[in-house]
PDB file of N, CA and C in Angstrom:
ATOM      1  N   UNK A   1       0.836  -1.165   0.000  1.00  0.00           N
ATOM      2  CA  UNK A   1       0.000   0.000   0.000  1.00  0.00           C
ATOM      3  C   UNK A   1       0.896   1.249   0.000  1.00  0.00           C
ATOM      4  N   UNK A   2       0.632   2.224  -0.892  1.00  0.00           N
ATOM      5  CA  UNK A   2       1.474   3.427  -0.936  1.00  0.00           C
ATOM      6  C   UNK A   2       1.228   4.305   0.285  1.00  0.00           C
ATOM      7  N   UNK A   3       2.253   5.049   0.637  1.00  0.00           N
ATOM      8  CA  UNK A   3       2.152   5.966   1.777  1.00  0.00           C
ATOM      9  C   UNK A   3       1.213   7.122   1.444  1.00  0.00           C
ATOM     10  N   UNK A   4       0.526   7.614   2.434  1.00  0.00           N
ATOM     11  CA  UNK A   4      -0.389   8.741   2.239  1.00  0.00           C
ATOM     12  C   UNK A   4       0.398  10.024   1.988  1.00  0.00           C
ATOM     13  N   UNK A   5      -0.127  10.840   1.105  1.00  0.00           N
ATOM     14  CA  UNK A   5       0.528  12.108   0.794  1.00  0.00           C
ATOM     15  C   UNK A   5       0.322  13.071   1.965  1.00  0.00           C
ATOM     16  N   UNK A   6       1.388  13.696   2.423  1.00  0.00           N
ATOM     17  CA  UNK A   6       1.328  14.541   3.617  1.00  0.00           C
ATOM     18  C   UNK A   6       0.686  15.894   3.334  1.00  0.00           C
ATOM     19  N   UNK A   7       0.846  16.423   2.134  1.00  0.00           N
ATOM     20  CA  UNK A   7       0.336  17.757   1.818  1.00  0.00           C
ATOM     21  C   UNK A   7      -0.693  17.668   0.701  1.00  0.00           C
ATOM     22  N   UNK A   8      -1.616  18.622   0.726  1.00  0.00           N
ATOM     23  CA  UNK A   8      -2.569  18.717  -0.373  1.00  0.00           C
ATOM     24  C   UNK A   8      -1.893  19.377  -1.565  1.00  0.00           C
ATOM     25  N   UNK A   9      -2.358  19.124  -2.777  1.00  0.00           N
ATOM     26  CA  UNK A   9      -1.756  19.757  -3.960  1.00  0.00           C
ATOM     27  C   UNK A   9      -1.907  21.284  -3.913  1.00  0.00           C
ATOM     28  N   UNK A  10      -1.019  21.977  -4.604  1.00  0.00           N
ATOM     29  CA  UNK A  10      -1.030  23.445  -4.600  1.00  0.00           C
ATOM     30  C   UNK A  10      -2.296  24.024  -5.227  1.00  0.00           C
ATOM     31  N   UNK A  11      -2.915  23.313  -6.158  1.00  0.00           N
ATOM     32  CA  UNK A  11      -4.099  23.875  -6.807  1.00  0.00           C
ATOM     33  C   UNK A  11      -5.230  24.065  -5.804  1.00  0.00           C
ATOM     34  N   UNK A  12      -5.242  23.282  -4.720  1.00  0.00           N
ATOM     35  CA  UNK A  12      -6.306  23.461  -3.731  1.00  0.00           C
ATOM     36  C   UNK A  12      -6.165  24.785  -3.002  1.00  0.00           C
ATOM     37  N   UNK A  13      -4.938  25.267  -2.833  1.00  0.00           N
ATOM     38  CA  UNK A  13      -4.733  26.568  -2.175  1.00  0.00           C
ATOM     39  C   UNK A  13      -5.104  27.711  -3.112  1.00  0.00           C
ATOM     40  N   UNK A  14      -4.718  27.614  -4.377  1.00  0.00           N
ATOM     41  CA  UNK A  14      -4.967  28.712  -5.316  1.00  0.00           C
ATOM     42  C   UNK A  14      -6.417  28.750  -5.796  1.00  0.00           C
ATOM     43  N   UNK A  15      -7.071  27.626  -5.844  1.00  0.00           N
ATOM     44  CA  UNK A  15      -8.460  27.627  -6.308  1.00  0.00           C
ATOM     45  C   UNK A  15      -9.406  28.269  -5.298  1.00  0.00           C
ATOM     46  N   UNK A  16      -9.009  28.325  -4.042  1.00  0.00           N
ATOM     47  CA  UNK A  16      -9.886  28.936  -3.037  1.00  0.00           C
ATOM     48  C   UNK A  16     -10.015  30.444  -3.233  1.00  0.00           C
ATOM     49  N   UNK A  17      -9.015  31.099  -3.774  1.00  0.00           N
ATOM     50  CA  UNK A  17      -9.076  32.557  -3.960  1.00  0.00           C
ATOM     51  C   UNK A  17     -10.180  32.976  -4.936  1.00  0.00           C
ATOM     52  N   UNK A  18     -10.215  32.458  -6.178  1.00  0.00           N
ATOM     53  CA  UNK A  18     -11.316  32.846  -7.064  1.00  0.00           C
ATOM     54  C   UNK A  18     -12.661  32.289  -6.606  1.00  0.00           C
ATOM     55  N   UNK A  19     -12.652  31.139  -5.951  1.00  0.00           N
ATOM     56  CA  UNK A  19     -13.901  30.561  -5.467  1.00  0.00           C
ATOM     57  C   UNK A  19     -14.559  31.460  -4.416  1.00  0.00           C
ATOM     58  N   UNK A  20     -13.782  31.968  -3.467  1.00  0.00           N
ATOM     59  CA  UNK A  20     -14.329  32.864  -2.454  1.00  0.00           C
ATOM     60  C   UNK A  20     -14.744  34.210  -3.052  1.00  0.00           C
ATOM     61  N   UNK A  21     -14.028  34.667  -4.074  1.00  0.00           N
ATOM     62  CA  UNK A  21     -14.397  35.931  -4.732  1.00  0.00           C
ATOM     63  C   UNK A  21     -15.739  35.786  -5.458  1.00  0.00           C
ATOM     64  N   UNK A  22     -15.912  34.697  -6.178  1.00  0.00           N
ATOM     65  CA  UNK A  22     -17.178  34.459  -6.876  1.00  0.00           C
ATOM     66  C   UNK A  22     -18.313  34.270  -5.869  1.00  0.00           C
ATOM     67  N   UNK A  23     -18.022  33.584  -4.766  1.00  0.00           N
ATOM     68  CA  UNK A  23     -19.049  33.393  -3.736  1.00  0.00           C
ATOM     69  C   UNK A  23     -19.480  34.719  -3.120  1.00  0.00           C
ATOM     70  N   UNK A  24     -18.561  35.658  -2.990  1.00  0.00           N
ATOM     71  CA  UNK A  24     -18.919  36.982  -2.472  1.00  0.00           C
ATOM     72  C   UNK A  24     -19.863  37.687  -3.425  1.00  0.00           C
ATOM     73  N   UNK A  25     -19.578  37.616  -4.718  1.00  0.00           N
ATOM     74  CA  UNK A  25     -20.457  38.253  -5.697  1.00  0.00           C
ATOM     75  C   UNK A  25     -21.838  37.601  -5.717  1.00  0.00           C
ATOM     76  N   UNK A  26     -21.902  36.288  -5.544  1.00  0.00           N
ATOM     77  CA  UNK A  26     -23.197  35.611  -5.473  1.00  0.00           C
ATOM     78  C   UNK A  26     -23.971  36.030  -4.227  1.00  0.00           C
ATOM     79  N   UNK A  27     -23.268  36.241  -3.136  1.00  0.00           N
ATOM     80  CA  UNK A  27     -23.922  36.643  -1.894  1.00  0.00           C
ATOM     81  C   UNK A  27     -24.448  38.068  -1.957  1.00  0.00           C
ATOM     82  N   UNK A  28     -23.835  38.905  -2.770  1.00  0.00           N
ATOM     83  CA  UNK A  28     -24.318  40.288  -2.904  1.00  0.00           C
ATOM     84  C   UNK A  28     -25.715  40.334  -3.510  1.00  0.00           C
ATOM     85  N   UNK A  29     -26.082  39.316  -4.264  1.00  0.00           N
ATOM     86  CA  UNK A  29     -27.416  39.265  -4.849  1.00  0.00           C
ATOM     87  C   UNK A  29     -28.508  38.968  -3.834  1.00  0.00           C
ATOM     88  N   UNK A  30     -28.142  38.511  -2.650  1.00  0.00           N
ATOM     89  CA  UNK A  30     -29.143  38.194  -1.631  1.00  0.00           C
ATOM     90  C   UNK A  30     -29.244  39.275  -0.564  1.00  0.00           C
ATOM     91  N   UNK A  31     -28.733  40.459  -0.853  1.00  0.00           N
ATOM     92  CA  UNK A  31     -28.788  41.540   0.138  1.00  0.00           C
ATOM     93  C   UNK A  31     -30.218  42.003   0.357  1.00  0.00           C
ATOM     94  N   UNK A  32     -30.583  42.130   1.619  1.00  0.00           N
ATOM     95  CA  UNK A  32     -31.894  42.643   1.988  1.00  0.00           C
ATOM     96  C   UNK A  32     -31.829  44.162   2.074  1.00  0.00           C
ATOM     97  N   UNK A  33     -30.817  44.654   2.764  1.00  0.00           N
ATOM     98  CA  UNK A  33     -30.541  46.088   2.846  1.00  0.00           C
ATOM     99  C   UNK A  33     -29.028  46.248   2.898  1.00  0.00           C
ATOM    100  N   UNK A  34     -28.556  47.451   3.039  1.00  0.00           N
ATOM    101  CA  UNK A  34     -27.119  47.690   3.024  1.00  0.00           C
ATOM    102  C   UNK A  34     -26.377  46.930   4.111  1.00  0.00           C
ATOM    103  N   UNK A  35     -25.534  46.004   3.725  1.00  0.00           N
ATOM    104  CA  UNK A  35     -24.727  45.249   4.667  1.00  0.00           C
ATOM    105  C   UNK A  35     -25.398  44.032   5.275  1.00  0.00           C
ATOM    106  N   UNK A  36     -26.632  43.724   4.894  1.00  0.00           N
ATOM    107  CA  UNK A  36     -27.345  42.563   5.452  1.00  0.00           C
ATOM    108  C   UNK A  36     -27.699  41.618   4.309  1.00  0.00           C
ATOM    109  N   UNK A  37     -27.167  40.419   4.373  1.00  0.00           N
ATOM    110  CA  UNK A  37     -27.448  39.413   3.342  1.00  0.00           C
ATOM    111  C   UNK A  37     -28.122  38.208   3.975  1.00  0.00           C
ATOM    112  N   UNK A  38     -29.014  37.585   3.239  1.00  0.00           N
ATOM    113  CA  UNK A  38     -29.677  36.382   3.730  1.00  0.00           C
ATOM    114  C   UNK A  38     -28.746  35.176   3.702  1.00  0.00           C
ATOM    115  N   UNK A  39     -27.817  35.175   2.782  1.00  0.00           N
ATOM    116  CA  UNK A  39     -26.994  34.007   2.523  1.00  0.00           C
ATOM    117  C   UNK A  39     -25.582  34.477   2.223  1.00  0.00           C
ATOM    118  N   UNK A  40     -24.626  34.205   3.106  1.00  0.00           N
ATOM    119  CA  UNK A  40     -23.241  34.606   2.891  1.00  0.00           C
ATOM    120  C   UNK A  40     -22.401  33.355   2.689  1.00  0.00           C
ATOM    121  N   UNK A  41     -22.189  33.005   1.458  1.00  0.00           N
ATOM    122  CA  UNK A  41     -21.528  31.765   1.071  1.00  0.00           C
ATOM    123  C   UNK A  41     -20.047  31.693   1.464  1.00  0.00           C
ATOM    124  N   UNK A  42     -19.259  32.776   1.419  1.00  0.00           N
ATOM    125  CA  UNK A  42     -17.841  32.645   1.775  1.00  0.00           C
ATOM    126  C   UNK A  42     -17.604  32.150   3.205  1.00  0.00           C
ATOM    127  N   UNK A  43     -18.501  32.467   4.123  1.00  0.00           N
ATOM    128  CA  UNK A  43     -18.336  31.953   5.490  1.00  0.00           C
ATOM    129  C   UNK A  43     -18.460  30.436   5.511  1.00  0.00           C
ATOM    130  N   UNK A  44     -19.448  29.913   4.811  1.00  0.00           N
ATOM    131  CA  UNK A  44     -19.626  28.456   4.751  1.00  0.00           C
ATOM    132  C   UNK A  44     -18.443  27.780   4.079  1.00  0.00           C
ATOM    133  N   UNK A  45     -17.946  28.379   3.003  1.00  0.00           N
ATOM    134  CA  UNK A  45     -16.793  27.800   2.312  1.00  0.00           C
ATOM    135  C   UNK A  45     -15.531  27.893   3.170  1.00  0.00           C
ATOM    136  N   UNK A  46     -15.422  28.935   3.986  1.00  0.00           N
ATOM    137  CA  UNK A  46     -14.290  29.056   4.900  1.00  0.00           C
ATOM    138  C   UNK A  46     -14.288  27.969   5.954  1.00  0.00           C
ATOM    139  N   UNK A  47     -15.468  27.613   6.437  1.00  0.00           N
ATOM    140  CA  UNK A  47     -15.557  26.511   7.404  1.00  0.00           C
ATOM    141  C   UNK A  47     -15.169  25.182   6.763  1.00  0.00           C
ATOM    142  N   UNK A  48     -15.593  24.977   5.535  1.00  0.00           N
ATOM    143  CA  UNK A  48     -15.200  23.751   4.824  1.00  0.00           C
ATOM    144  C   UNK A  48     -13.691  23.729   4.611  1.00  0.00           C
ATOM    145  N   UNK A  49     -13.111  24.887   4.293  1.00  0.00           N
ATOM    146  CA  UNK A  49     -11.657  24.967   4.130  1.00  0.00           C
ATOM    147  C   UNK A  49     -10.916  24.639   5.408  1.00  0.00           C
ATOM    148  N   UNK A  50     -11.458  25.077   6.529  1.00  0.00           N
ATOM    149  CA  UNK A  50     -10.831  24.746   7.811  1.00  0.00           C
ATOM    150  C   UNK A  50     -10.841  23.252   8.071  1.00  0.00           C
ATOM    151  N   UNK A  51     -11.934  22.603   7.740  1.00  0.00           N
ATOM    152  CA  UNK A  51     -11.999  21.156   7.946  1.00  0.00           C
ATOM    153  C   UNK A  51     -11.105  20.406   6.965  1.00  0.00           C
ATOM    154  N   UNK A  52     -10.960  20.931   5.744  1.00  0.00           N
ATOM    155  CA  UNK A  52     -10.177  20.238   4.727  1.00  0.00           C
ATOM    156  C   UNK A  52      -8.678  20.438   4.945  1.00  0.00           C
ATOM    157  N   UNK A  53      -8.268  21.700   5.151  1.00  0.00           N
ATOM    158  CA  UNK A  53      -6.837  21.993   5.256  1.00  0.00           C
ATOM    159  C   UNK A  53      -6.291  21.871   6.665  1.00  0.00           C
ATOM    160  N   UNK A  54      -7.147  21.807   7.660  1.00  0.00           N
ATOM    161  CA  UNK A  54      -6.693  21.590   9.029  1.00  0.00           C
ATOM    162  C   UNK A  54      -6.624  22.862   9.850  1.00  0.00           C
ATOM    163  N   UNK A  55      -6.204  22.723  11.091  1.00  0.00           N
ATOM    164  CA  UNK A  55      -6.208  23.858  12.014  1.00  0.00           C
ATOM    165  C   UNK A  55      -5.206  24.961  11.643  1.00  0.00           C
ATOM    166  N   UNK A  56      -4.161  24.639  10.916  1.00  0.00           N
ATOM    167  CA  UNK A  56      -3.210  25.676  10.506  1.00  0.00           C
ATOM    168  C   UNK A  56      -3.848  26.703   9.596  1.00  0.00           C
ATOM    169  N   UNK A  57      -4.760  26.271   8.740  1.00  0.00           N
ATOM    170  CA  UNK A  57      -5.473  27.184   7.853  1.00  0.00           C
ATOM    171  C   UNK A  57      -6.375  28.104   8.656  1.00  0.00           C
ATOM    172  N   UNK A  58      -7.051  27.549   9.649  1.00  0.00           N
ATOM    173  CA  UNK A  58      -7.964  28.364  10.465  1.00  0.00           C
ATOM    174  C   UNK A  58      -7.214  29.444  11.232  1.00  0.00           C
ATOM    175  N   UNK A  59      -6.092  29.093  11.808  1.00  0.00           N
ATOM    176  CA  UNK A  59      -5.363  30.097  12.595  1.00  0.00           C
ATOM    177  C   UNK A  59      -4.795  31.193  11.700  1.00  0.00           C
ATOM    178  N   UNK A  60      -4.400  30.860  10.475  1.00  0.00           N
ATOM    179  CA  UNK A  60      -3.896  31.895   9.567  1.00  0.00           C
ATOM    180  C   UNK A  60      -5.023  32.715   8.966  1.00  0.00           C
ATOM    181  N   UNK A  61      -6.169  32.103   8.747  1.00  0.00           N
ATOM    182  CA  UNK A  61      -7.265  32.802   8.089  1.00  0.00           C
ATOM    183  C   UNK A  61      -8.014  33.744   9.023  1.00  0.00           C
ATOM    184  N   UNK A  62      -8.203  33.327  10.250  1.00  0.00           N
ATOM    185  CA  UNK A  62      -9.065  34.076  11.144  1.00  0.00           C
ATOM    186  C   UNK A  62      -8.314  34.834  12.233  1.00  0.00           C
ATOM    187  N   UNK A  63      -7.004  34.837  12.216  1.00  0.00           N
ATOM    188  CA  UNK A  63      -6.258  35.577  13.234  1.00  0.00           C
ATOM    189  C   UNK A  63      -6.045  37.016  12.761  1.00  0.00           C
ATOM    190  N   UNK A  64      -5.987  37.913  13.699  1.00  0.00           N
ATOM    191  CA  UNK A  64      -5.800  39.323  13.359  1.00  0.00           C
ATOM    192  C   UNK A  64      -4.323  39.671  13.449  1.00  0.00           C
ATOM    193  N   UNK A  65      -3.819  40.494  12.539  1.00  0.00           N
ATOM    194  CA  UNK A  65      -2.411  40.891  12.628  1.00  0.00           C
ATOM    195  C   UNK A  65      -2.187  41.803  13.835  1.00  0.00           C
ATOM    196  N   UNK A  66      -1.029  41.720  14.393  1.00  0.00           N
ATOM    197  CA  UNK A  66      -0.711  42.551  15.569  1.00  0.00           C
ATOM    198  C   UNK A  66       0.027  43.785  15.177  1.00  0.00           C
TER     199      UNK A  66
END
């Protein structure tokens, strides 16, 4: 049995950038009023990214710079 690959391919990191950008534009169509949307897809995709890429992605994505 072959050994498991330790890292995900690079395309998974780069594909998230346009995917989140397109998801933001889709979410703008569900705005009820200024700044309030019924459905904000990038948040859901960010949670999936945290589960897929692991805790290192979450700490880099959601931490604030000092």
